[in-house]
Amino acid sequence: MSKFKLAMIQMAVGMSKTDNVAKAVKFISEASSAGANIITLPECFNSPYGTKFFPEYAEPIPGPSTQALSEAAKKNNVYVVGGSIPEKDGDKVYNTCAIYNPSGELIAKHRKVHLFDIDVPGKITFKESETLSPGDQFTMFKTPFCTVGVGICYDIRFAEMAQIYANKGCQLIVYPGAFNMTTGPKHWATLQRGRALDNQVYVGTASPARDTEAGYIAWGQSMVVDPWGDVISETDEKESIVYADIDLGKLEEMRKMIPLRQQKRHDLYVPPSLNENKERRGDLYEINP
């Protein structure tokens, strides 16, 4: 199948986990009814985004939130990329995306590799590492349509991660994310277009809707970008679903017009210090199929 419909769900996330999950399930049903084949939820769809909330809302996988996603995937016969939830595993908490196939089976799980630790003086300071642990694997899953790579929010800033996905055969990369009012206006769309253009892949992002009363205000603006770097579908800051018709035939045409993968690759000298640093050398990570 060279064509399919992608849906990126932008939903408002409140304080009630039960209500958040019920809303996510409702949106999955709506997107499925509109013909979507792959449906992506936003980052932290079951929990307010904040370091103080992560331990409180954390649950294992499988658990109540992901069980609801499993049932929704099966009921609606769709692939569900479960945004992310705070995942409790032993004494650690991860920012984790669970992916389910149309049979409701868990086929992949991505733990956010690059934690969101930033300090922009006078604007925003946020450190996920205060309560979260980083993942150590890149994650891909196969569908009858294409192979999909998964990142979460800050992962999109690491170009080598997307390059590895493309080199491994991904034609679509999805990033559930929650950029903020400082980085969102400047970087959100630019990063997506860069990842798509650099690697000649489709890129889709799903953000929480903007809540100006929240402690952390998400930028919103979920979108899908094609391999030419064009934004083919997007929304504003409100609750909505972004739909995009993905045409892999168009992708192959673009790759033929401007060949990148066929070019001879040259080995580059890598300083030993980088060779020991996983965050700088994505190729040292294992791929989580």
Protein backbone atom coordinates (compact mmCIF):
# COMPACT_ATOMS: atom_id res chain seq x y z
CA MET A 1 0.00 0.00 0.00
CA SER A 2 1.57 3.28 -1.08
CA LYS A 3 -1.11 5.55 0.37
CA PHE A 4 -2.63 5.81 3.84
CA LYS A 5 -4.16 8.37 6.19
CA LEU A 6 -2.29 9.65 9.23
CA ALA A 7 -4.01 11.36 12.18
CA MET A 8 -2.25 13.45 14.82
CA ILE A 9 -4.51 14.11 17.82
CA GLN A 10 -4.17 17.43 19.65
CA MET A 11 -6.18 17.13 22.84
CA ALA A 12 -6.51 19.18 26.00
CA VAL A 13 -5.04 17.38 29.00
CA GLY A 14 -6.54 18.00 32.43
CA MET A 15 -5.93 16.87 35.99
CA SER A 16 -8.11 13.74 35.83
CA LYS A 17 -6.27 10.74 34.40
CA THR A 18 -9.54 8.90 33.87
CA ASP A 19 -11.02 11.78 31.89
CA ASN A 20 -7.83 12.21 29.86
CA VAL A 21 -7.78 8.55 28.85
CA ALA A 22 -11.49 8.56 28.01
CA LYS A 23 -10.96 11.62 25.80
CA ALA A 24 -8.03 9.95 24.03
CA VAL A 25 -10.15 6.88 23.30
CA LYS A 26 -12.93 9.10 21.93
CA PHE A 27 -10.51 10.91 19.64
CA ILE A 28 -9.11 7.59 18.38
CA SER A 29 -12.64 6.49 17.46
CA GLU A 30 -13.29 9.81 15.70
CA ALA A 31 -10.05 9.60 13.71
CA SER A 32 -10.76 6.00 12.74
CA SER A 33 -14.23 6.95 11.51
CA ALA A 34 -12.57 9.58 9.31
CA GLY A 35 -10.45 6.86 7.70
CA ALA A 36 -7.17 7.18 9.59
CA ASN A 37 -4.90 4.13 9.54
CA ILE A 38 -2.22 5.33 11.97
CA ILE A 39 -3.26 7.55 14.88
CA THR A 40 -0.85 9.39 17.18
CA LEU A 41 -1.65 10.90 20.59
CA PRO A 42 0.26 13.80 22.21
CA GLU A 43 3.07 13.62 24.73
CA CYS A 44 1.78 13.00 28.28
CA PHE A 45 -1.80 12.49 27.12
CA ASN A 46 -2.91 11.04 30.48
CA SER A 47 -1.06 13.46 32.76
CA PRO A 48 -0.39 17.18 33.14
CA TYR A 49 3.10 17.93 31.90
CA GLY A 50 5.35 18.73 34.85
CA THR A 51 8.07 17.09 36.93
CA LYS A 52 5.88 17.09 40.03
CA PHE A 53 3.14 15.21 38.17
CA PHE A 54 5.22 12.47 36.57
CA PRO A 55 5.70 10.29 39.68
CA GLU A 56 2.09 10.83 40.77
CA TYR A 57 0.56 9.80 37.43
CA ALA A 58 3.10 7.09 36.60
CA GLU A 59 1.90 3.55 35.97
CA PRO A 60 3.42 0.38 34.53
CA ILE A 61 3.01 -0.79 30.95
CA PRO A 62 0.69 -2.61 30.60
CA GLY A 63 -1.49 -0.58 32.93
CA PRO A 64 -4.89 1.17 32.91
CA SER A 65 -3.97 3.88 30.39
CA THR A 66 -2.24 1.64 27.88
CA GLN A 67 -4.85 -1.09 28.26
CA ALA A 68 -7.40 1.47 27.08
CA LEU A 69 -5.21 2.18 24.04
CA SER A 70 -4.93 -1.53 23.29
CA GLU A 71 -8.68 -1.92 23.35
CA ALA A 72 -9.19 1.21 21.22
CA ALA A 73 -6.69 0.01 18.61
CA LYS A 74 -8.44 -3.35 18.35
CA LYS A 75 -11.97 -1.93 18.37
CA ASN A 76 -11.17 0.58 15.63
CA ASN A 77 -8.76 -1.65 13.65
CA VAL A 78 -5.99 0.96 13.60
CA TYR A 79 -2.38 1.46 14.66
CA VAL A 80 -2.18 3.63 17.77
CA VAL A 81 1.01 5.50 18.64
CA GLY A 82 0.22 6.21 22.26
CA GLY A 83 1.76 9.67 22.62
CA SER A 84 3.45 9.15 25.95
CA ILE A 85 2.69 8.51 29.59
CA PRO A 86 4.86 8.57 32.70
CA GLU A 87 5.85 4.90 32.91
CA LYS A 88 6.81 3.37 36.26
CA ASP A 89 9.34 0.55 36.06
CA GLY A 90 10.78 -0.45 39.42
CA ASP A 91 12.12 2.67 41.11
CA LYS A 92 12.42 4.59 37.83
CA VAL A 93 9.96 6.70 35.83
CA TYR A 94 10.26 7.08 32.05
CA ASN A 95 8.47 9.24 29.48
CA THR A 96 7.19 6.38 27.32
CA CYS A 97 5.25 5.84 24.12
CA ALA A 98 3.44 2.50 23.69
CA ILE A 99 2.49 1.43 20.16
CA TYR A 100 -0.37 -0.96 19.39
CA ASN A 101 -1.36 -2.73 16.18
CA PRO A 102 -4.94 -3.23 14.92
CA SER A 103 -5.15 -6.48 16.91
CA GLY A 104 -4.51 -4.54 20.12
CA GLU A 105 -1.03 -6.03 20.57
CA LEU A 106 1.84 -4.00 22.03
CA ILE A 107 4.37 -4.06 19.18
CA ALA A 108 6.88 -1.44 20.37
CA LYS A 109 7.68 0.88 23.26
CA HIS A 110 9.79 4.03 23.04
CA ARG A 111 11.27 5.64 26.12
CA LYS A 112 12.25 9.27 25.53
CA VAL A 113 15.99 9.18 24.97
CA HIS A 114 16.90 12.86 25.24
CA LEU A 115 15.41 14.41 28.36
CA PHE A 116 14.13 17.97 28.24
CA ASP A 117 16.60 19.86 30.45
CA ILE A 118 16.80 23.50 29.40
CA ASP A 119 17.42 26.90 30.97
CA VAL A 120 16.52 29.98 28.91
CA PRO A 121 17.11 32.94 31.26
CA GLY A 122 14.00 35.02 31.82
CA LYS A 123 11.90 32.60 29.75
CA ILE A 124 11.77 28.97 30.89
CA THR A 125 13.68 26.50 33.03
CA PHE A 126 12.63 22.86 32.97
CA LYS A 127 14.48 19.69 33.94
CA GLU A 128 12.81 16.38 33.21
CA SER A 129 15.81 14.63 34.74
CA GLU A 130 14.60 15.72 38.19
CA THR A 131 12.10 12.86 38.11
CA LEU A 132 12.56 10.99 34.80
CA SER A 133 15.17 8.54 33.56
CA PRO A 134 16.24 8.47 29.89
CA GLY A 135 15.62 5.59 27.52
CA ASP A 136 18.53 4.01 25.67
CA GLN A 137 16.98 2.63 22.48
CA PHE A 138 15.69 4.00 19.21
CA THR A 139 12.31 2.57 18.22
CA MET A 140 10.81 1.57 14.88
CA PHE A 141 7.73 -0.46 13.99
CA LYS A 142 6.52 -1.96 10.73
CA THR A 143 3.05 -1.61 9.23
CA PRO A 144 1.62 -2.76 5.88
CA PHE A 145 2.09 0.86 4.75
CA CYS A 146 5.65 1.67 5.80
CA THR A 147 8.19 1.49 8.61
CA VAL A 148 7.71 4.19 11.24
CA GLY A 149 10.32 5.72 13.55
CA VAL A 150 9.30 7.16 16.92
CA GLY A 151 10.75 10.01 18.98
CA ILE A 152 9.32 12.06 21.82
CA CYS A 153 9.53 15.87 21.85
CA TYR A 154 13.18 16.79 22.65
CA ASP A 155 14.30 13.78 20.59
CA ILE A 156 13.46 15.81 17.47
CA ARG A 157 16.40 18.14 18.12
CA PHE A 158 18.89 15.32 17.54
CA ALA A 159 19.32 15.09 13.78
CA GLU A 160 21.35 11.88 13.93
CA MET A 161 18.38 10.03 15.43
CA ALA A 162 16.19 10.82 12.41
CA GLN A 163 19.07 10.00 10.06
CA ILE A 164 19.45 6.56 11.63
CA TYR A 165 15.72 5.95 11.21
CA ALA A 166 15.87 6.93 7.55
CA ASN A 167 18.93 4.76 6.94
CA LYS A 168 17.10 1.85 8.56
CA GLY A 169 14.20 2.22 6.12
CA CYS A 170 11.72 4.53 7.86
CA GLN A 171 9.56 6.64 5.59
CA LEU A 172 7.62 8.29 8.40
CA ILE A 173 8.81 9.60 11.77
CA VAL A 174 6.30 10.63 14.42
CA TYR A 175 7.13 12.82 17.40
CA PRO A 176 4.54 13.25 20.16
CA GLY A 177 5.74 16.49 21.75
CA ALA A 178 4.88 19.43 23.96
CA PHE A 179 6.98 22.41 22.92
CA ASN A 180 6.34 25.54 24.97
CA MET A 181 5.59 29.19 24.35
CA THR A 182 9.30 30.05 24.19
CA THR A 183 10.67 27.34 21.91
CA GLY A 184 7.45 26.60 20.03
CA PRO A 185 7.18 29.78 17.94
CA LYS A 186 10.87 29.66 16.97
CA HIS A 187 11.73 25.99 16.60
CA TRP A 188 8.66 23.71 16.37
CA ALA A 189 7.93 23.93 12.64
CA THR A 190 11.56 24.55 11.68
CA LEU A 191 12.77 21.36 13.32
CA GLN A 192 10.04 19.30 11.71
CA ARG A 193 10.79 20.66 8.26
CA GLY A 194 14.50 20.09 8.83
CA ARG A 195 14.08 16.46 9.89
CA ALA A 196 11.78 15.81 6.91
CA LEU A 197 13.98 17.57 4.38
CA ASP A 198 17.30 16.16 5.62
CA ASN A 199 16.06 12.59 5.50
CA GLN A 200 13.38 12.70 2.78
CA VAL A 201 10.71 11.33 5.09
CA TYR A 202 7.28 12.39 6.30
CA VAL A 203 7.30 13.87 9.81
CA GLY A 204 4.23 14.15 12.05
CA THR A 205 3.89 15.80 15.46
CA ALA A 206 1.10 15.62 18.03
CA SER A 207 1.01 18.22 20.81
CA PRO A 208 -1.34 18.76 23.72
CA ALA A 209 -3.76 21.63 23.08
CA ARG A 210 -2.78 24.93 24.65
CA ASP A 211 -4.03 25.61 28.18
CA THR A 212 -3.05 29.08 29.36
CA GLU A 213 -4.03 28.18 32.93
CA ALA A 214 -1.58 25.27 33.14
CA GLY A 215 1.78 25.48 34.87
CA TYR A 216 3.41 24.40 31.60
CA ILE A 217 1.76 25.92 28.53
CA ALA A 218 2.07 23.84 25.37
CA TRP A 219 2.48 25.57 22.03
CA GLY A 220 0.10 23.23 20.16
CA GLN A 221 0.31 23.61 16.37
CA SER A 222 0.43 19.87 15.58
CA MET A 223 1.35 19.26 11.95
CA VAL A 224 2.56 16.92 9.22
CA VAL A 225 5.46 17.77 6.90
CA ASP A 226 6.27 16.02 3.62
CA PRO A 227 9.72 14.97 2.34
CA TRP A 228 9.97 18.19 0.31
CA GLY A 229 9.82 20.16 3.56
CA ASP A 230 6.30 21.48 2.97
CA VAL A 231 3.74 21.59 5.79
CA ILE A 232 0.84 19.65 4.28
CA SER A 233 -1.49 19.74 7.28
CA GLU A 234 -1.53 21.69 10.55
CA THR A 235 -3.77 23.12 13.24
CA ASP A 236 -3.73 26.01 15.70
CA GLU A 237 -3.55 25.82 19.50
CA LYS A 238 -7.03 24.36 20.11
CA GLU A 239 -8.25 20.77 20.40
CA SER A 240 -8.44 19.16 16.97
CA ILE A 241 -7.21 16.32 14.78
CA VAL A 242 -4.65 16.87 12.04
CA TYR A 243 -5.18 14.54 9.08
CA ALA A 244 -2.72 13.94 6.29
CA ASP A 245 -2.88 11.69 3.25
CA ILE A 246 0.53 10.06 3.02
CA ASP A 247 1.68 9.15 -0.49
CA LEU A 248 4.81 7.02 -0.49
CA GLY A 249 4.91 7.17 -4.27
CA LYS A 250 5.48 10.91 -3.95
CA LEU A 251 8.22 10.23 -1.43
CA GLU A 252 10.03 7.92 -3.85
CA GLU A 253 9.73 10.52 -6.63
CA MET A 254 11.39 13.10 -4.37
CA ARG A 255 14.18 10.70 -3.52
CA LYS A 256 14.82 10.04 -7.22
CA MET A 257 14.87 13.76 -8.06
CA ILE A 258 17.36 14.56 -5.30
CA PRO A 259 19.25 11.33 -4.49
CA LEU A 260 20.81 11.24 -1.05
CA ARG A 261 20.89 7.58 -0.06
CA GLN A 262 22.58 6.56 -3.28
CA GLN A 263 25.54 8.85 -2.66
CA LYS A 264 28.77 7.28 -1.47
CA ARG A 265 29.13 7.61 2.28
CA HIS A 266 32.46 8.80 3.64
CA ASP A 267 33.88 7.71 6.95
CA LEU A 268 34.50 10.64 9.25
CA TYR A 269 37.02 10.85 12.03
CA VAL A 270 35.21 10.60 15.37
CA PRO A 271 37.09 11.89 18.42
CA PRO A 272 37.30 9.32 21.24
CA SER A 273 35.37 11.64 23.55
CA LEU A 274 32.36 11.50 21.23
CA ASN A 275 32.73 7.78 20.74
CA GLU A 276 32.09 7.34 24.45
CA ASN A 277 29.10 9.67 24.58
CA LYS A 278 25.80 8.04 23.63
CA GLU A 279 23.91 11.31 23.52
CA ARG A 280 26.28 12.62 20.83
CA ARG A 281 26.58 9.36 18.90
CA GLY A 282 23.15 7.96 18.16
CA ASP A 283 24.65 5.02 16.27
CA LEU A 284 25.75 3.57 19.60
CA TYR A 285 22.16 3.03 20.62
CA GLU A 286 20.37 -0.21 20.00
CA ILE A 287 17.32 -0.22 17.76
CA ASN A 288 14.14 -1.34 19.50
CA PRO A 289 12.14 -3.10 16.75
